Amino acid sequence: MAVYGLHPIAEIQFAGFLFVAMNQLVSQAARMRFRSMGIYTCPLVVRAPYGGGVRTPELHSDSLEGVFMQTPGLKVVIPSNPYDAKGLLASAIADPDPVLFLEHIKLYRSFRQETPEDYYTLPLGEATTVQEGSDVSLFAYGAMVQVALAAAKQVQDISIEVIDLRTIWPLDEETIVASVEKTGRAVIVHEAARAGGVGAEITAIINDHCLYSLLKPVERVTGYDTPYPAPGYEDDYVPKPARVIDAIKRVMEP
């Protein structure tokens, strides 16, 4: 459908089921522009709820964004609030290439926000600074933006810059580098497993472009390198403000 000019929007019930569509999404849709040398594109949007904190059974709370951000030709978008969700989804639908649009389950009912009724878009691949700061750069996306803001609010006498990545592939390298060059310290928060995750890629970007601006090694606050746990254990798995505050304090140590 997408190759023949339509702009289909598919919804996968939960992100944990995306592996069933791995061949179609990764081997077919994402490669269409490359395979055809630009003759064909695949303007497909795949929406999928992800993330924990709502006591779901197995395969309903997985955070798989780290897997799909390694797929050339596929954009990965993760909004943190209703306003961004509407603008980013409009841009994803208009994009000529496939977009994986991940929506954190917990955010569906966490809070309300006024959004314009008129059509508007937000650019893919651009992060936004939701709180200015000068001492620490705190990077997050999806539901972890609220966790990052809660942690920043609790810390006294430390100026924390909170950046909502919004698109995790492609990452907004310019904003990441500019923030770390200003603060000299970086903390990255995400719910997905630590190994091979978004935090690892951001750390590599920082080390490649502003290593000599760092005052302390980059800290990552993440889920653990295990399958997503049963509901009774998820409070110990999902990052909380206390873990973020501990990381902030470590990068601020003399």
Protein backbone atom coordinates (compact mmCIF):
# COMPACT_ATOMS: atom_id res chain seq x y z
CA MET A 1 0.00 0.00 0.00
CA ALA A 2 2.72 2.47 0.98
CA VAL A 3 4.88 1.70 -2.05
CA TYR A 4 1.90 2.36 -4.34
CA GLY A 5 1.25 5.84 -2.98
CA LEU A 6 -0.92 5.44 0.10
CA HIS A 7 0.17 6.50 3.61
CA PRO A 8 -0.98 3.61 5.81
CA ILE A 9 -0.90 3.86 9.61
CA ALA A 10 -0.62 0.47 11.29
CA GLU A 11 -1.05 -0.10 15.01
CA ILE A 12 0.64 -2.96 16.80
CA GLN A 13 -1.21 -3.78 20.02
CA PHE A 14 2.00 -3.69 22.09
CA ALA A 15 5.64 -3.07 21.15
CA GLY A 16 6.57 -6.51 22.45
CA PHE A 17 4.74 -7.97 19.45
CA LEU A 18 6.84 -6.04 16.91
CA PHE A 19 9.20 -8.97 16.48
CA VAL A 20 6.44 -10.78 14.59
CA ALA A 21 6.62 -8.01 11.96
CA MET A 22 10.42 -7.76 11.99
CA ASN A 23 10.91 -8.93 8.40
CA GLN A 24 8.24 -6.62 6.97
CA LEU A 25 9.42 -3.57 8.89
CA VAL A 26 13.20 -4.00 8.92
CA SER A 27 13.98 -6.08 5.82
CA GLN A 28 11.30 -4.65 3.54
CA ALA A 29 9.88 -1.22 4.47
CA ALA A 30 13.09 0.29 5.85
CA ARG A 31 15.15 -0.83 2.85
CA MET A 32 12.73 0.16 0.10
CA ARG A 33 14.41 3.47 -0.78
CA PHE A 34 17.87 1.88 -0.74
CA ARG A 35 16.81 -1.26 -2.60
CA SER A 36 15.17 0.70 -5.41
CA MET A 37 17.90 3.38 -5.56
CA GLY A 38 15.34 6.02 -4.66
CA ILE A 39 12.73 5.03 -7.22
CA TYR A 40 10.31 3.85 -4.52
CA THR A 41 9.70 4.94 -0.95
CA CYS A 42 7.58 3.45 1.81
CA PRO A 43 5.63 6.17 3.70
CA LEU A 44 4.41 3.87 6.46
CA VAL A 45 3.75 4.74 10.12
CA VAL A 46 3.69 1.97 12.70
CA ARG A 47 2.29 2.97 16.09
CA ALA A 48 3.00 0.78 19.11
CA PRO A 49 2.48 1.27 22.87
CA TYR A 50 5.53 0.42 24.96
CA GLY A 51 6.87 0.73 28.50
CA GLY A 52 5.95 -0.27 32.01
CA GLY A 53 4.51 1.08 35.20
CA VAL A 54 0.96 -0.20 34.63
CA ARG A 55 1.30 -3.82 35.79
CA THR A 56 0.91 -5.55 32.43
CA PRO A 57 1.71 -9.21 31.65
CA GLU A 58 4.73 -10.43 29.72
CA LEU A 59 5.49 -8.84 26.30
CA HIS A 60 3.23 -5.84 27.03
CA SER A 61 5.82 -3.52 28.63
CA ASP A 62 9.00 -4.11 26.62
CA SER A 63 11.04 -1.10 25.50
CA LEU A 64 12.54 -2.16 22.17
CA GLU A 65 13.57 1.19 20.76
CA GLY A 66 17.27 0.29 21.02
CA VAL A 67 16.70 -2.58 18.59
CA PHE A 68 14.95 -0.49 15.95
CA MET A 69 17.19 2.58 16.16
CA GLN A 70 19.87 0.37 14.58
CA THR A 71 17.79 -0.07 11.42
CA PRO A 72 18.95 2.16 8.54
CA GLY A 73 16.01 3.74 6.76
CA LEU A 74 13.67 3.63 9.75
CA LYS A 75 12.95 6.67 11.93
CA VAL A 76 12.02 6.10 15.57
CA VAL A 77 9.88 8.73 17.32
CA ILE A 78 8.86 8.76 21.00
CA PRO A 79 6.76 11.71 22.29
CA SER A 80 6.53 12.66 25.96
CA ASN A 81 3.30 14.71 25.98
CA PRO A 82 0.07 15.19 23.99
CA TYR A 83 1.16 18.38 22.20
CA ASP A 84 4.32 16.76 20.88
CA ALA A 85 2.49 13.54 20.07
CA LYS A 86 0.07 15.30 17.72
CA GLY A 87 2.73 17.37 15.95
CA LEU A 88 5.20 14.53 15.64
CA LEU A 89 2.56 12.09 14.41
CA ALA A 90 1.52 14.56 11.70
CA SER A 91 5.15 14.81 10.60
CA ALA A 92 5.53 11.04 10.68
CA ILE A 93 2.49 10.61 8.42
CA ALA A 94 3.90 13.17 5.97
CA ASP A 95 7.36 11.58 5.94
CA PRO A 96 8.22 9.70 2.73
CA ASP A 97 9.93 6.88 4.63
CA PRO A 98 8.79 4.45 7.37
CA VAL A 99 8.46 5.74 10.92
CA LEU A 100 8.09 3.69 14.10
CA PHE A 101 6.01 5.81 16.47
CA LEU A 102 6.30 4.51 20.04
CA GLU A 103 3.85 5.70 22.70
CA HIS A 104 4.47 5.03 26.38
CA ILE A 105 1.52 3.19 27.89
CA LYS A 106 1.65 5.07 31.17
CA LEU A 107 1.40 8.46 29.45
CA TYR A 108 -2.04 7.66 28.03
CA ARG A 109 -3.60 8.41 31.41
CA SER A 110 -0.90 10.29 33.32
CA PHE A 111 -1.92 13.88 32.59
CA ARG A 112 -3.90 16.11 30.24
CA GLN A 113 -2.61 18.92 28.06
CA GLU A 114 -4.32 21.41 25.78
CA THR A 115 -3.46 20.92 22.12
CA PRO A 116 -4.49 23.10 19.16
CA GLU A 117 -7.35 21.79 17.04
CA ASP A 118 -5.64 23.13 13.92
CA TYR A 119 -3.15 21.06 11.98
CA TYR A 120 0.49 21.53 12.98
CA THR A 121 3.72 19.58 12.72
CA LEU A 122 6.90 19.24 14.75
CA PRO A 123 10.14 18.36 12.97
CA LEU A 124 11.46 14.83 13.26
CA GLY A 125 15.06 14.50 14.38
CA GLU A 126 15.01 17.58 16.61
CA ALA A 127 15.17 17.48 20.40
CA THR A 128 13.73 20.22 22.60
CA THR A 129 15.07 21.78 25.77
CA VAL A 130 12.28 21.69 28.35
CA GLN A 131 14.37 23.22 31.15
CA GLU A 132 17.46 25.37 30.80
CA GLY A 133 20.47 24.70 33.03
CA SER A 134 24.21 25.16 33.29
CA ASP A 135 25.60 22.38 35.52
CA VAL A 136 24.26 19.06 34.18
CA SER A 137 22.67 17.95 30.89
CA LEU A 138 19.85 15.47 31.59
CA PHE A 139 18.62 13.58 28.52
CA ALA A 140 15.36 11.61 28.40
CA TYR A 141 12.42 10.69 26.16
CA GLY A 142 8.90 9.36 26.52
CA ALA A 143 7.70 8.84 30.09
CA MET A 144 11.22 9.32 31.42
CA VAL A 145 10.99 13.05 30.67
CA GLN A 146 8.58 13.40 33.59
CA VAL A 147 10.94 11.36 35.77
CA ALA A 148 13.84 13.62 34.75
CA LEU A 149 11.86 16.77 35.52
CA ALA A 150 10.79 15.37 38.90
CA ALA A 151 14.41 14.61 39.76
CA ALA A 152 15.59 18.05 38.64
CA LYS A 153 12.93 19.70 40.79
CA GLN A 154 14.11 17.86 43.91
CA VAL A 155 17.79 18.72 43.54
CA GLN A 156 18.88 21.88 45.31
CA ASP A 157 21.65 24.24 44.17
CA ILE A 158 22.35 22.38 40.92
CA SER A 159 21.30 23.92 37.60
CA ILE A 160 19.99 21.08 35.46
CA GLU A 161 19.22 21.27 31.75
CA VAL A 162 16.51 18.77 30.77
CA ILE A 163 16.36 17.77 27.11
CA ASP A 164 13.50 15.79 25.59
CA LEU A 165 14.97 13.86 22.68
CA ARG A 166 11.56 13.26 21.00
CA THR A 167 13.19 11.40 18.08
CA ILE A 168 15.70 8.74 19.03
CA TRP A 169 16.64 7.95 15.45
CA PRO A 170 18.00 10.03 13.99
CA LEU A 171 19.28 11.61 17.19
CA ASP A 172 19.70 15.37 17.36
CA GLU A 173 23.48 15.39 17.68
CA GLU A 174 23.70 19.18 17.45
CA THR A 175 21.52 19.74 20.54
CA ILE A 176 23.23 16.95 22.49
CA VAL A 177 26.71 18.27 21.81
CA ALA A 178 25.81 21.93 22.43
CA SER A 179 24.29 21.11 25.82
CA VAL A 180 27.20 18.99 27.03
CA GLU A 181 29.75 21.53 25.85
CA LYS A 182 27.89 24.06 28.00
CA THR A 183 27.49 21.97 31.16
CA GLY A 184 30.41 19.52 31.00
CA ARG A 185 28.28 16.78 32.56
CA ALA A 186 25.68 14.37 31.16
CA VAL A 187 23.10 11.98 32.60
CA ILE A 188 20.93 9.86 30.28
CA VAL A 189 17.68 8.27 31.43
CA HIS A 190 15.72 5.55 29.65
CA GLU A 191 13.55 2.62 30.62
CA ALA A 192 15.00 0.18 28.10
CA ALA A 193 17.86 -2.16 28.93
CA ARG A 194 21.27 -0.56 29.34
CA ALA A 195 23.28 -2.61 26.83
CA GLY A 196 23.09 -1.33 23.26
CA GLY A 197 20.50 1.26 24.19
CA VAL A 198 19.86 4.90 23.37
CA GLY A 199 22.12 5.92 26.25
CA ALA A 200 25.05 4.02 24.78
CA GLU A 201 24.67 5.84 21.44
CA ILE A 202 24.38 9.24 23.11
CA THR A 203 27.49 8.45 25.17
CA ALA A 204 29.35 7.64 21.95
CA ILE A 205 28.22 10.93 20.40
CA ILE A 206 29.43 12.85 23.45
CA ASN A 207 32.77 11.04 23.47
CA ASP A 208 33.23 11.63 19.72
CA HIS A 209 32.40 15.33 19.71
CA CYS A 210 32.95 16.85 23.16
CA LEU A 211 35.14 14.48 25.14
CA TYR A 212 37.44 17.28 26.28
CA SER A 213 34.50 19.31 27.54
CA LEU A 214 33.48 16.56 29.97
CA LEU A 215 34.19 17.20 33.63
CA LYS A 216 32.93 13.74 34.65
CA PRO A 217 32.17 10.46 32.83
CA VAL A 218 28.67 10.16 31.38
CA GLU A 219 26.12 8.51 33.67
CA ARG A 220 23.28 6.27 32.44
CA VAL A 221 20.14 5.52 34.45
CA THR A 222 18.30 2.70 32.70
CA GLY A 223 16.37 -0.51 32.97
CA TYR A 224 18.42 -3.62 33.60
CA ASP A 225 19.79 -6.15 31.12
CA THR A 226 17.04 -8.65 31.83
CA PRO A 227 13.64 -9.41 30.33
CA TYR A 228 11.01 -6.98 31.59
CA PRO A 229 9.98 -8.31 35.01
CA ALA A 230 6.65 -9.52 36.35
CA PRO A 231 4.30 -6.78 37.64
CA GLY A 232 5.34 -7.23 41.25
CA TYR A 233 8.96 -6.37 40.47
CA GLU A 234 8.65 -3.54 37.95
CA ASP A 235 9.01 -0.80 40.58
CA ASP A 236 12.60 -1.95 41.00
CA TYR A 237 13.19 -2.03 37.24
CA VAL A 238 11.78 1.25 35.94
CA PRO A 239 14.01 4.26 36.71
CA LYS A 240 12.68 6.53 39.45
CA PRO A 241 13.68 10.11 40.39
CA ALA A 242 15.82 8.79 43.26
CA ARG A 243 18.10 6.88 40.88
CA VAL A 244 18.38 9.93 38.61
CA ILE A 245 19.27 12.14 41.59
CA ASP A 246 22.01 9.71 42.61
CA ALA A 247 23.49 9.92 39.10
CA ILE A 248 23.32 13.73 39.15
CA LYS A 249 25.16 13.79 42.46
CA ARG A 250 27.87 11.49 41.10
CA VAL A 251 28.62 13.74 38.13
CA MET A 252 28.71 16.74 40.46
CA GLU A 253 31.28 15.22 42.81
CA PRO A 254 34.55 17.18 42.93
